[in-house]
């Protein structure tokens, strides 16, 4: 996942990256550490997947969400 992310993210490395999981926070934290190592300038958040999606994905599902290019109207304020 990290190799694909680095290839696809291009030069937009200072963005908010989201990691989502279905009742597997430990794996999400491990993925967070890998993303932080690969893209130290990125901000990262970890979120639970909602019930409807979780019912289809099942326990242990983990996802990584990012932009492959900077949108025209992108604004992220890290507070």
PDB file of N, CA and C in Angstrom:
ATOM      1  N   UNK A   1       0.822  -1.190   0.000  1.00  0.00           N
ATOM      2  CA  UNK A   1       0.000   0.000   0.000  1.00  0.00           C
ATOM      3  C   UNK A   1       0.867   1.256   0.000  1.00  0.00           C
ATOM      4  N   UNK A   2       1.921   1.235   0.778  1.00  0.00           N
ATOM      5  CA  UNK A   2       2.801   2.405   0.888  1.00  0.00           C
ATOM      6  C   UNK A   2       3.501   2.664  -0.442  1.00  0.00           C
ATOM      7  N   UNK A   3       3.976   1.618  -1.086  1.00  0.00           N
ATOM      8  CA  UNK A   3       4.664   1.776  -2.371  1.00  0.00           C
ATOM      9  C   UNK A   3       3.724   2.393  -3.413  1.00  0.00           C
ATOM     10  N   UNK A   4       2.497   1.894  -3.479  1.00  0.00           N
ATOM     11  CA  UNK A   4       1.510   2.447  -4.416  1.00  0.00           C
ATOM     12  C   UNK A   4       1.172   3.891  -4.077  1.00  0.00           C
ATOM     13  N   UNK A   5       0.990   4.186  -2.784  1.00  0.00           N
ATOM     14  CA  UNK A   5       0.663   5.541  -2.362  1.00  0.00           C
ATOM     15  C   UNK A   5       1.764   6.508  -2.781  1.00  0.00           C
ATOM     16  N   UNK A   6       3.009   6.155  -2.505  1.00  0.00           N
ATOM     17  CA  UNK A   6       4.121   7.055  -2.855  1.00  0.00           C
ATOM     18  C   UNK A   6       4.191   7.298  -4.360  1.00  0.00           C
ATOM     19  N   UNK A   7       3.905   6.244  -5.145  1.00  0.00           N
ATOM     20  CA  UNK A   7       3.935   6.380  -6.598  1.00  0.00           C
ATOM     21  C   UNK A   7       2.797   7.281  -7.082  1.00  0.00           C
ATOM     22  N   UNK A   8       1.604   7.081  -6.521  1.00  0.00           N
ATOM     23  CA  UNK A   8       0.422   7.801  -6.995  1.00  0.00           C
ATOM     24  C   UNK A   8       0.301   9.219  -6.458  1.00  0.00           C
ATOM     25  N   UNK A   9       0.845   9.487  -5.298  1.00  0.00           N
ATOM     26  CA  UNK A   9       0.641  10.774  -4.645  1.00  0.00           C
ATOM     27  C   UNK A   9       1.451  11.893  -5.313  1.00  0.00           C
ATOM     28  N   UNK A  10       2.499  11.507  -6.019  1.00  0.00           N
ATOM     29  CA  UNK A  10       3.304  12.492  -6.739  1.00  0.00           C
ATOM     30  C   UNK A  10       3.921  13.536  -5.820  1.00  0.00           C
ATOM     31  N   UNK A  11       3.800  14.797  -6.201  1.00  0.00           N
ATOM     32  CA  UNK A  11       4.425  15.877  -5.429  1.00  0.00           C
ATOM     33  C   UNK A  11       3.508  16.445  -4.344  1.00  0.00           C
ATOM     34  N   UNK A  12       2.272  15.975  -4.260  1.00  0.00           N
ATOM     35  CA  UNK A  12       1.330  16.496  -3.261  1.00  0.00           C
ATOM     36  C   UNK A  12       1.478  15.702  -1.957  1.00  0.00           C
ATOM     37  N   UNK A  13       2.626  15.877  -1.314  1.00  0.00           N
ATOM     38  CA  UNK A  13       2.954  15.082  -0.131  1.00  0.00           C
ATOM     39  C   UNK A  13       2.508  15.722   1.180  1.00  0.00           C
ATOM     40  N   UNK A  14       2.177  16.998   1.165  1.00  0.00           N
ATOM     41  CA  UNK A  14       1.793  17.684   2.414  1.00  0.00           C
ATOM     42  C   UNK A  14       0.267  17.764   2.545  1.00  0.00           C
ATOM     43  N   UNK A  15      -0.385  16.655   2.408  1.00  0.00           N
ATOM     44  CA  UNK A  15      -1.841  16.599   2.462  1.00  0.00           C
ATOM     45  C   UNK A  15      -2.310  15.816   3.678  1.00  0.00           C
ATOM     46  N   UNK A  16      -3.603  15.817   3.900  1.00  0.00           N
ATOM     47  CA  UNK A  16      -4.217  15.009   4.939  1.00  0.00           C
ATOM     48  C   UNK A  16      -4.491  13.620   4.369  1.00  0.00           C
ATOM     49  N   UNK A  17      -3.945  12.615   5.005  1.00  0.00           N
ATOM     50  CA  UNK A  17      -4.151  11.226   4.605  1.00  0.00           C
ATOM     51  C   UNK A  17      -5.016  10.568   5.661  1.00  0.00           C
ATOM     52  N   UNK A  18      -6.007   9.815   5.221  1.00  0.00           N
ATOM     53  CA  UNK A  18      -6.922   9.152   6.147  1.00  0.00           C
ATOM     54  C   UNK A  18      -6.727   7.646   6.094  1.00  0.00           C
ATOM     55  N   UNK A  19      -6.650   7.054   7.259  1.00  0.00           N
ATOM     56  CA  UNK A  19      -6.614   5.603   7.402  1.00  0.00           C
ATOM     57  C   UNK A  19      -7.914   5.219   8.081  1.00  0.00           C
ATOM     58  N   UNK A  20      -8.653   4.314   7.481  1.00  0.00           N
ATOM     59  CA  UNK A  20      -9.896   3.861   8.105  1.00  0.00           C
ATOM     60  C   UNK A  20      -9.790   2.369   8.387  1.00  0.00           C
ATOM     61  N   UNK A  21     -10.538   1.920   9.376  1.00  0.00           N
ATOM     62  CA  UNK A  21     -10.443   0.519   9.763  1.00  0.00           C
ATOM     63  C   UNK A  21     -11.771   0.017  10.307  1.00  0.00           C
ATOM     64  N   UNK A  22     -11.928  -1.306  10.267  1.00  0.00           N
ATOM     65  CA  UNK A  22     -13.093  -1.975  10.831  1.00  0.00           C
ATOM     66  C   UNK A  22     -12.605  -2.769  12.043  1.00  0.00           C
ATOM     67  N   UNK A  23     -12.682  -2.150  13.198  1.00  0.00           N
ATOM     68  CA  UNK A  23     -12.335  -2.792  14.470  1.00  0.00           C
ATOM     69  C   UNK A  23     -10.925  -3.387  14.479  1.00  0.00           C
ATOM     70  N   UNK A  24      -9.969  -2.673  13.897  1.00  0.00           N
ATOM     71  CA  UNK A  24      -8.578  -3.130  13.889  1.00  0.00           C
ATOM     72  C   UNK A  24      -7.654  -1.922  14.032  1.00  0.00           C
ATOM     73  N   UNK A  25      -7.756  -1.268  15.164  1.00  0.00           N
ATOM     74  CA  UNK A  25      -6.990  -0.045  15.411  1.00  0.00           C
ATOM     75  C   UNK A  25      -5.482  -0.319  15.405  1.00  0.00           C
ATOM     76  N   UNK A  26      -5.062  -1.483  15.876  1.00  0.00           N
ATOM     77  CA  UNK A  26      -3.624  -1.794  15.909  1.00  0.00           C
ATOM     78  C   UNK A  26      -3.021  -1.808  14.509  1.00  0.00           C
ATOM     79  N   UNK A  27      -3.722  -2.416  13.571  1.00  0.00           N
ATOM     80  CA  UNK A  27      -3.227  -2.427  12.191  1.00  0.00           C
ATOM     81  C   UNK A  27      -3.231  -1.019  11.610  1.00  0.00           C
ATOM     82  N   UNK A  28      -4.266  -0.247  11.927  1.00  0.00           N
ATOM     83  CA  UNK A  28      -4.323   1.142  11.463  1.00  0.00           C
ATOM     84  C   UNK A  28      -3.146   1.943  12.012  1.00  0.00           C
ATOM     85  N   UNK A  29      -2.774   1.710  13.259  1.00  0.00           N
ATOM     86  CA  UNK A  29      -1.620   2.397  13.843  1.00  0.00           C
ATOM     87  C   UNK A  29      -0.318   1.978  13.168  1.00  0.00           C
ATOM     88  N   UNK A  30      -0.197   0.701  12.840  1.00  0.00           N
ATOM     89  CA  UNK A  30       1.000   0.237  12.126  1.00  0.00           C
ATOM     90  C   UNK A  30       1.095   0.902  10.753  1.00  0.00           C
ATOM     91  N   UNK A  31      -0.039   0.992  10.076  1.00  0.00           N
ATOM     92  CA  UNK A  31      -0.060   1.653   8.776  1.00  0.00           C
ATOM     93  C   UNK A  31       0.270   3.137   8.925  1.00  0.00           C
ATOM     94  N   UNK A  32      -0.227   3.759   9.986  1.00  0.00           N
ATOM     95  CA  UNK A  32       0.090   5.168  10.256  1.00  0.00           C
ATOM     96  C   UNK A  32       1.600   5.363  10.397  1.00  0.00           C
ATOM     97  N   UNK A  33       2.275   4.472  11.108  1.00  0.00           N
ATOM     98  CA  UNK A  33       3.723   4.578  11.279  1.00  0.00           C
ATOM     99  C   UNK A  33       4.443   4.458   9.937  1.00  0.00           C
ATOM    100  N   UNK A  34       3.975   3.566   9.077  1.00  0.00           N
ATOM    101  CA  UNK A  34       4.587   3.403   7.754  1.00  0.00           C
ATOM    102  C   UNK A  34       4.372   4.638   6.884  1.00  0.00           C
ATOM    103  N   UNK A  35       3.170   5.207   6.940  1.00  0.00           N
ATOM    104  CA  UNK A  35       2.885   6.420   6.166  1.00  0.00           C
ATOM    105  C   UNK A  35       3.735   7.581   6.684  1.00  0.00           C
ATOM    106  N   UNK A  36       3.840   7.714   7.993  1.00  0.00           N
ATOM    107  CA  UNK A  36       4.647   8.788   8.589  1.00  0.00           C
ATOM    108  C   UNK A  36       6.107   8.673   8.168  1.00  0.00           C
ATOM    109  N   UNK A  37       6.606   7.444   8.130  1.00  0.00           N
ATOM    110  CA  UNK A  37       7.986   7.218   7.699  1.00  0.00           C
ATOM    111  C   UNK A  37       8.166   7.582   6.227  1.00  0.00           C
ATOM    112  N   UNK A  38       7.198   7.217   5.402  1.00  0.00           N
ATOM    113  CA  UNK A  38       7.290   7.455   3.955  1.00  0.00           C
ATOM    114  C   UNK A  38       7.034   8.914   3.590  1.00  0.00           C
ATOM    115  N   UNK A  39       6.106   9.570   4.301  1.00  0.00           N
ATOM    116  CA  UNK A  39       5.723  10.955   4.004  1.00  0.00           C
ATOM    117  C   UNK A  39       5.646  11.760   5.295  1.00  0.00           C
ATOM    118  N   UNK A  40       6.784  12.152   5.848  1.00  0.00           N
ATOM    119  CA  UNK A  40       6.775  12.855   7.135  1.00  0.00           C
ATOM    120  C   UNK A  40       6.055  14.206   7.117  1.00  0.00           C
ATOM    121  N   UNK A  41       5.883  14.803   5.949  1.00  0.00           N
ATOM    122  CA  UNK A  41       5.217  16.104   5.856  1.00  0.00           C
ATOM    123  C   UNK A  41       3.690  15.998   5.808  1.00  0.00           C
ATOM    124  N   UNK A  42       3.174  14.800   5.664  1.00  0.00           N
ATOM    125  CA  UNK A  42       1.718  14.591   5.595  1.00  0.00           C
ATOM    126  C   UNK A  42       1.116  14.594   6.993  1.00  0.00           C
ATOM    127  N   UNK A  43      -0.151  14.975   7.074  1.00  0.00           N
ATOM    128  CA  UNK A  43      -0.934  14.835   8.301  1.00  0.00           C
ATOM    129  C   UNK A  43      -1.770  13.571   8.146  1.00  0.00           C
ATOM    130  N   UNK A  44      -1.983  12.874   9.250  1.00  0.00           N
ATOM    131  CA  UNK A  44      -2.684  11.588   9.183  1.00  0.00           C
ATOM    132  C   UNK A  44      -3.784  11.554  10.226  1.00  0.00           C
ATOM    133  N   UNK A  45      -4.931  11.031   9.820  1.00  0.00           N
ATOM    134  CA  UNK A  45      -6.012  10.782  10.771  1.00  0.00           C
ATOM    135  C   UNK A  45      -6.453   9.330  10.628  1.00  0.00           C
ATOM    136  N   UNK A  46      -6.892   8.760  11.748  1.00  0.00           N
ATOM    137  CA  UNK A  46      -7.410   7.388  11.752  1.00  0.00           C
ATOM    138  C   UNK A  46      -8.881   7.453  12.126  1.00  0.00           C
ATOM    139  N   UNK A  47      -9.721   6.828  11.311  1.00  0.00           N
ATOM    140  CA  UNK A  47     -11.165   6.843  11.530  1.00  0.00           C
ATOM    141  C   UNK A  47     -11.730   5.426  11.482  1.00  0.00           C
ATOM    142  N   UNK A  48     -12.794   5.206  12.256  1.00  0.00           N
ATOM    143  CA  UNK A  48     -13.548   3.951  12.169  1.00  0.00           C
ATOM    144  C   UNK A  48     -14.423   3.995  10.923  1.00  0.00           C
ATOM    145  N   UNK A  49     -14.589   2.847  10.303  1.00  0.00           N
ATOM    146  CA  UNK A  49     -15.524   2.730   9.190  1.00  0.00           C
ATOM    147  C   UNK A  49     -16.934   2.677   9.772  1.00  0.00           C
ATOM    148  N   UNK A  50     -17.893   3.283   9.112  1.00  0.00           N
ATOM    149  CA  UNK A  50     -19.269   3.264   9.562  1.00  0.00           C
ATOM    150  C   UNK A  50     -19.874   1.870   9.499  1.00  0.00           C
ATOM    151  N   UNK A  51     -20.987   1.702  10.206  1.00  0.00           N
ATOM    152  CA  UNK A  51     -21.613   0.389  10.360  1.00  0.00           C
ATOM    153  C   UNK A  51     -22.012  -0.251   9.027  1.00  0.00           C
ATOM    154  N   UNK A  52     -22.585   0.509   8.128  1.00  0.00           N
ATOM    155  CA  UNK A  52     -23.044  -0.068   6.858  1.00  0.00           C
ATOM    156  C   UNK A  52     -21.881  -0.624   6.044  1.00  0.00           C
ATOM    157  N   UNK A  53     -20.838   0.165   5.897  1.00  0.00           N
ATOM    158  CA  UNK A  53     -19.667  -0.294   5.149  1.00  0.00           C
ATOM    159  C   UNK A  53     -18.963  -1.426   5.888  1.00  0.00           C
ATOM    160  N   UNK A  54     -18.882  -1.327   7.206  1.00  0.00           N
ATOM    161  CA  UNK A  54     -18.232  -2.370   8.003  1.00  0.00           C
ATOM    162  C   UNK A  54     -18.939  -3.711   7.848  1.00  0.00           C
ATOM    163  N   UNK A  55     -20.266  -3.685   7.731  1.00  0.00           N
ATOM    164  CA  UNK A  55     -21.024  -4.931   7.558  1.00  0.00           C
ATOM    165  C   UNK A  55     -20.639  -5.638   6.262  1.00  0.00           C
ATOM    166  N   UNK A  56     -20.257  -4.894   5.246  1.00  0.00           N
ATOM    167  CA  UNK A  56     -19.868  -5.482   3.969  1.00  0.00           C
ATOM    168  C   UNK A  56     -18.392  -5.858   3.922  1.00  0.00           C
ATOM    169  N   UNK A  57     -17.558  -5.047   4.575  1.00  0.00           N
ATOM    170  CA  UNK A  57     -16.116  -5.305   4.552  1.00  0.00           C
ATOM    171  C   UNK A  57     -15.697  -6.395   5.523  1.00  0.00           C
ATOM    172  N   UNK A  58     -16.295  -6.402   6.699  1.00  0.00           N
ATOM    173  CA  UNK A  58     -15.937  -7.380   7.725  1.00  0.00           C
ATOM    174  C   UNK A  58     -14.842  -6.868   8.637  1.00  0.00           C
ATOM    175  N   UNK A  59     -14.724  -7.522   9.768  1.00  0.00           N
ATOM    176  CA  UNK A  59     -13.727  -7.158  10.776  1.00  0.00           C
ATOM    177  C   UNK A  59     -12.321  -7.258  10.180  1.00  0.00           C
ATOM    178  N   UNK A  60     -11.517  -6.256  10.448  1.00  0.00           N
ATOM    179  CA  UNK A  60     -10.120  -6.267  10.010  1.00  0.00           C
ATOM    180  C   UNK A  60      -9.839  -5.498   8.737  1.00  0.00           C
ATOM    181  N   UNK A  61     -10.859  -4.971   8.098  1.00  0.00           N
ATOM    182  CA  UNK A  61     -10.632  -4.184   6.887  1.00  0.00           C
ATOM    183  C   UNK A  61      -9.916  -2.876   7.211  1.00  0.00           C
ATOM    184  N   UNK A  62      -8.934  -2.512   6.409  1.00  0.00           N
ATOM    185  CA  UNK A  62      -8.175  -1.269   6.603  1.00  0.00           C
ATOM    186  C   UNK A  62      -8.028  -0.597   5.246  1.00  0.00           C
ATOM    187  N   UNK A  63      -8.232   0.723   5.218  1.00  0.00           N
ATOM    188  CA  UNK A  63      -8.112   1.470   3.967  1.00  0.00           C
ATOM    189  C   UNK A  63      -7.230   2.689   4.123  1.00  0.00           C
ATOM    190  N   UNK A  64      -6.656   3.132   3.024  1.00  0.00           N
ATOM    191  CA  UNK A  64      -5.764   4.284   2.980  1.00  0.00           C
ATOM    192  C   UNK A  64      -6.291   5.237   1.916  1.00  0.00           C
ATOM    193  N   UNK A  65      -6.575   6.469   2.306  1.00  0.00           N
ATOM    194  CA  UNK A  65      -7.190   7.433   1.401  1.00  0.00           C
ATOM    195  C   UNK A  65      -6.312   8.673   1.268  1.00  0.00           C
ATOM    196  N   UNK A  66      -6.101   9.111   0.020  1.00  0.00           N
ATOM    197  CA  UNK A  66      -5.253  10.256  -0.280  1.00  0.00           C
ATOM    198  C   UNK A  66      -5.609  10.774  -1.664  1.00  0.00           C
ATOM    199  N   UNK A  67      -5.139  11.980  -1.969  1.00  0.00           N
ATOM    200  CA  UNK A  67      -5.308  12.553  -3.301  1.00  0.00           C
ATOM    201  C   UNK A  67      -4.088  12.206  -4.153  1.00  0.00           C
ATOM    202  N   UNK A  68      -4.321  11.952  -5.435  1.00  0.00           N
ATOM    203  CA  UNK A  68      -3.192  11.708  -6.336  1.00  0.00           C
ATOM    204  C   UNK A  68      -2.682  13.001  -6.974  1.00  0.00           C
ATOM    205  N   UNK A  69      -3.430  14.080  -6.806  1.00  0.00           N
ATOM    206  CA  UNK A  69      -2.971  15.410  -7.211  1.00  0.00           C
ATOM    207  C   UNK A  69      -3.728  16.439  -6.380  1.00  0.00           C
ATOM    208  N   UNK A  70      -3.167  17.621  -6.277  1.00  0.00           N
ATOM    209  CA  UNK A  70      -3.791  18.651  -5.451  1.00  0.00           C
ATOM    210  C   UNK A  70      -5.015  19.225  -6.163  1.00  0.00           C
ATOM    211  N   UNK A  71      -6.193  19.116  -5.525  1.00  0.00           N
ATOM    212  CA  UNK A  71      -7.395  19.704  -6.123  1.00  0.00           C
ATOM    213  C   UNK A  71      -7.285  21.226  -6.175  1.00  0.00           C
ATOM    214  N   UNK A  72      -8.013  21.820  -7.082  1.00  0.00           N
ATOM    215  CA  UNK A  72      -7.969  23.276  -7.243  1.00  0.00           C
ATOM    216  C   UNK A  72      -8.348  24.005  -5.946  1.00  0.00           C
ATOM    217  N   UNK A  73      -9.313  23.485  -5.219  1.00  0.00           N
ATOM    218  CA  UNK A  73      -9.798  24.157  -4.008  1.00  0.00           C
ATOM    219  C   UNK A  73      -9.516  23.322  -2.763  1.00  0.00           C
ATOM    220  N   UNK A  74      -8.282  22.936  -2.562  1.00  0.00           N
ATOM    221  CA  UNK A  74      -7.907  22.128  -1.411  1.00  0.00           C
ATOM    222  C   UNK A  74      -7.485  23.029  -0.266  1.00  0.00           C
ATOM    223  N   UNK A  75      -8.062  22.800   0.914  1.00  0.00           N
ATOM    224  CA  UNK A  75      -7.643  23.536   2.092  1.00  0.00           C
ATOM    225  C   UNK A  75      -7.725  22.604   3.293  1.00  0.00           C
ATOM    226  N   UNK A  76      -6.624  22.433   3.972  1.00  0.00           N
ATOM    227  CA  UNK A  76      -6.591  21.643   5.188  1.00  0.00           C
ATOM    228  C   UNK A  76      -5.912  22.470   6.248  1.00  0.00           C
ATOM    229  N   UNK A  77      -6.589  22.699   7.348  1.00  0.00           N
ATOM    230  CA  UNK A  77      -6.029  23.474   8.440  1.00  0.00           C
ATOM    231  C   UNK A  77      -5.742  22.507   9.572  1.00  0.00           C
ATOM    232  N   UNK A  78      -4.469  22.316   9.870  1.00  0.00           N
ATOM    233  CA  UNK A  78      -4.067  21.397  10.916  1.00  0.00           C
ATOM    234  C   UNK A  78      -4.062  22.131  12.257  1.00  0.00           C
ATOM    235  N   UNK A  79      -5.029  21.792  13.094  1.00  0.00           N
ATOM    236  CA  UNK A  79      -5.138  22.460  14.390  1.00  0.00           C
ATOM    237  C   UNK A  79      -4.669  21.554  15.499  1.00  0.00           C
TER     238      UNK A  79
END
